[in-house]
C-alpha atoms as a PDB file:
ATOM      1  CA  UNK A   1     -26.491  63.622  33.253  1.00  0.00           C
ATOM      2  CA  UNK A   2     -29.837  62.491  34.581  1.00  0.00           C
ATOM      3  CA  UNK A   3     -30.508  58.821  35.161  1.00  0.00           C
ATOM      4  CA  UNK A   4     -33.731  57.165  34.172  1.00  0.00           C
ATOM      5  CA  UNK A   5     -34.839  54.990  37.032  1.00  0.00           C
ATOM      6  CA  UNK A   6     -37.970  52.890  37.072  1.00  0.00           C
ATOM      7  CA  UNK A   7     -40.153  52.970  40.073  1.00  0.00           C
ATOM      8  CA  UNK A   8     -39.745  49.431  41.291  1.00  0.00           C
ATOM      9  CA  UNK A   9     -42.818  49.581  43.515  1.00  0.00           C
ATOM     10  CA  UNK A  10     -44.994  50.787  40.659  1.00  0.00           C
ATOM     11  CA  UNK A  11     -43.669  48.165  38.250  1.00  0.00           C
ATOM     12  CA  UNK A  12     -43.869  45.190  40.570  1.00  0.00           C
ATOM     13  CA  UNK A  13     -46.710  46.333  42.761  1.00  0.00           C
ATOM     14  CA  UNK A  14     -48.634  43.457  44.213  1.00  0.00           C
ATOM     15  CA  UNK A  15     -51.505  43.536  46.616  1.00  0.00           C
ATOM     16  CA  UNK A  16     -53.597  40.850  48.240  1.00  0.00           C
ATOM     17  CA  UNK A  17     -56.711  42.007  46.411  1.00  0.00           C
ATOM     18  CA  UNK A  18     -55.064  41.113  43.096  1.00  0.00           C
ATOM     19  CA  UNK A  19     -55.195  37.376  43.911  1.00  0.00           C
ATOM     20  CA  UNK A  20     -57.939  35.379  42.188  1.00  0.00           C
ATOM     21  CA  UNK A  21     -60.944  34.728  44.349  1.00  0.00           C
ATOM     22  CA  UNK A  22     -62.220  31.263  45.159  1.00  0.00           C
ATOM     23  CA  UNK A  23     -65.069  31.763  42.682  1.00  0.00           C
ATOM     24  CA  UNK A  24     -62.612  32.670  39.919  1.00  0.00           C
ATOM     25  CA  UNK A  25     -60.463  29.625  40.679  1.00  0.00           C
ATOM     26  CA  UNK A  26     -63.576  27.429  40.632  1.00  0.00           C
ATOM     27  CA  UNK A  27     -64.536  28.877  37.245  1.00  0.00           C
ATOM     28  CA  UNK A  28     -61.053  28.101  35.903  1.00  0.00           C
ATOM     29  CA  UNK A  29     -61.307  24.546  37.234  1.00  0.00           C
ATOM     30  CA  UNK A  30     -64.685  24.194  35.561  1.00  0.00           C
ATOM     31  CA  UNK A  31     -63.273  25.381  32.221  1.00  0.00           C
ATOM     32  CA  UNK A  32     -59.988  23.439  32.451  1.00  0.00           C
ATOM     33  CA  UNK A  33     -61.112  20.495  30.244  1.00  0.00           C
ATOM     34  CA  UNK A  34     -62.023  22.967  27.484  1.00  0.00           C
ATOM     35  CA  UNK A  35     -58.739  24.831  27.909  1.00  0.00           C
ATOM     36  CA  UNK A  36     -56.774  21.588  27.601  1.00  0.00           C
ATOM     37  CA  UNK A  37     -58.803  20.544  24.538  1.00  0.00           C
ATOM     38  CA  UNK A  38     -58.049  23.917  22.924  1.00  0.00           C
ATOM     39  CA  UNK A  39     -54.338  23.453  23.657  1.00  0.00           C
ATOM     40  CA  UNK A  40     -54.415  20.016  22.012  1.00  0.00           C
ATOM     41  CA  UNK A  41     -56.127  21.489  18.944  1.00  0.00           C
ATOM     42  CA  UNK A  42     -53.547  24.256  18.688  1.00  0.00           C
ATOM     43  CA  UNK A  43     -50.735  21.713  19.032  1.00  0.00           C
ATOM     44  CA  UNK A  44     -52.228  19.638  16.220  1.00  0.00           C
ATOM     45  CA  UNK A  45     -52.549  22.733  14.037  1.00  0.00           C
ATOM     46  CA  UNK A  46     -48.980  23.818  14.742  1.00  0.00           C
ATOM     47  CA  UNK A  47     -47.638  20.411  13.692  1.00  0.00           C
ATOM     48  CA  UNK A  48     -49.167  20.862  10.234  1.00  0.00           C
ATOM     49  CA  UNK A  49     -48.082  24.441   9.582  1.00  0.00           C
ATOM     50  CA  UNK A  50     -44.943  23.724   7.584  1.00  0.00           C
ATOM     51  CA  UNK A  51     -45.953  20.586   5.721  1.00  0.00           C
ATOM     52  CA  UNK A  52     -48.837  18.916   4.017  1.00  0.00           C
ATOM     53  CA  UNK A  53     -50.983  17.138   6.596  1.00  0.00           C
ATOM     54  CA  UNK A  54     -50.719  13.372   6.414  1.00  0.00           C
ATOM     55  CA  UNK A  55     -53.675  11.087   7.004  1.00  0.00           C
ATOM     56  CA  UNK A  56     -52.586  10.750  10.632  1.00  0.00           C
ATOM     57  CA  UNK A  57     -52.399  14.548  10.975  1.00  0.00           C
ATOM     58  CA  UNK A  58     -55.897  14.921   9.547  1.00  0.00           C
ATOM     59  CA  UNK A  59     -57.231  12.351  12.009  1.00  0.00           C
ATOM     60  CA  UNK A  60     -55.470  14.125  14.871  1.00  0.00           C
ATOM     61  CA  UNK A  61     -57.005  17.452  13.799  1.00  0.00           C
ATOM     62  CA  UNK A  62     -60.499  15.967  13.483  1.00  0.00           C
ATOM     63  CA  UNK A  63     -60.191  14.291  16.879  1.00  0.00           C
ATOM     64  CA  UNK A  64     -58.989  17.532  18.482  1.00  0.00           C
ATOM     65  CA  UNK A  65     -61.825  19.545  16.891  1.00  0.00           C
ATOM     66  CA  UNK A  66     -64.407  16.991  18.060  1.00  0.00           C
ATOM     67  CA  UNK A  67     -62.975  17.093  21.571  1.00  0.00           C
ATOM     68  CA  UNK A  68     -63.167  20.906  21.658  1.00  0.00           C
ATOM     69  CA  UNK A  69     -66.782  20.826  20.476  1.00  0.00           C
ATOM     70  CA  UNK A  70     -67.667  18.134  23.024  1.00  0.00           C
ATOM     71  CA  UNK A  71     -66.050  20.094  25.866  1.00  0.00           C
ATOM     72  CA  UNK A  72     -67.824  23.301  24.802  1.00  0.00           C
ATOM     73  CA  UNK A  73     -71.159  21.478  24.785  1.00  0.00           C
ATOM     74  CA  UNK A  74     -70.433  19.907  28.169  1.00  0.00           C
ATOM     75  CA  UNK A  75     -69.454  23.276  29.623  1.00  0.00           C
ATOM     76  CA  UNK A  76     -72.609  24.910  28.242  1.00  0.00           C
ATOM     77  CA  UNK A  77     -74.743  22.100  29.674  1.00  0.00           C
ATOM     78  CA  UNK A  78     -73.080  22.407  33.089  1.00  0.00           C
ATOM     79  CA  UNK A  79     -73.617  26.160  33.070  1.00  0.00           C
ATOM     80  CA  UNK A  80     -77.267  25.778  32.062  1.00  0.00           C
ATOM     81  CA  UNK A  81     -77.856  23.138  34.731  1.00  0.00           C
ATOM     82  CA  UNK A  82     -76.239  25.323  37.387  1.00  0.00           C
ATOM     83  CA  UNK A  83     -78.401  28.312  36.477  1.00  0.00           C
ATOM     84  CA  UNK A  84     -81.708  26.461  36.786  1.00  0.00           C
ATOM     85  CA  UNK A  85     -83.388  26.621  40.179  1.00  0.00           C
ATOM     86  CA  UNK A  86     -83.364  23.352  42.065  1.00  0.00           C
ATOM     87  CA  UNK A  87     -80.604  21.933  39.857  1.00  0.00           C
ATOM     88  CA  UNK A  88     -83.120  20.428  37.421  1.00  0.00           C
ATOM     89  CA  UNK A  89     -82.039  20.257  33.815  1.00  0.00           C
END
C-alpha cells in the first residue's frame, strides 16, 4: 500500500517576497473607504434577498449605492490629482 503524502513545504510555502510592499499597502489604504462602502452595499442587498424590501430597506439600499458612487468618484479624483505634475488638479 502506498501512502499519499502532501508536500508540506510546497503547500504552505511562504517567502519574504510574498509580503505586500509598502506601495501595495498604501494603495489598499487609499481604496479602503470604497471597499467598506461596497461591503455596506452588499450587506444591504443580502438583507433583502429573502423578503420584499420595506421602505427602510429601500432607503438603506439607496444610501449604500450613493455612498459607493461617492467613494468611487472621490477615489478617481484622488488618483487624477496624484497623476498630475505639481499636484494641481
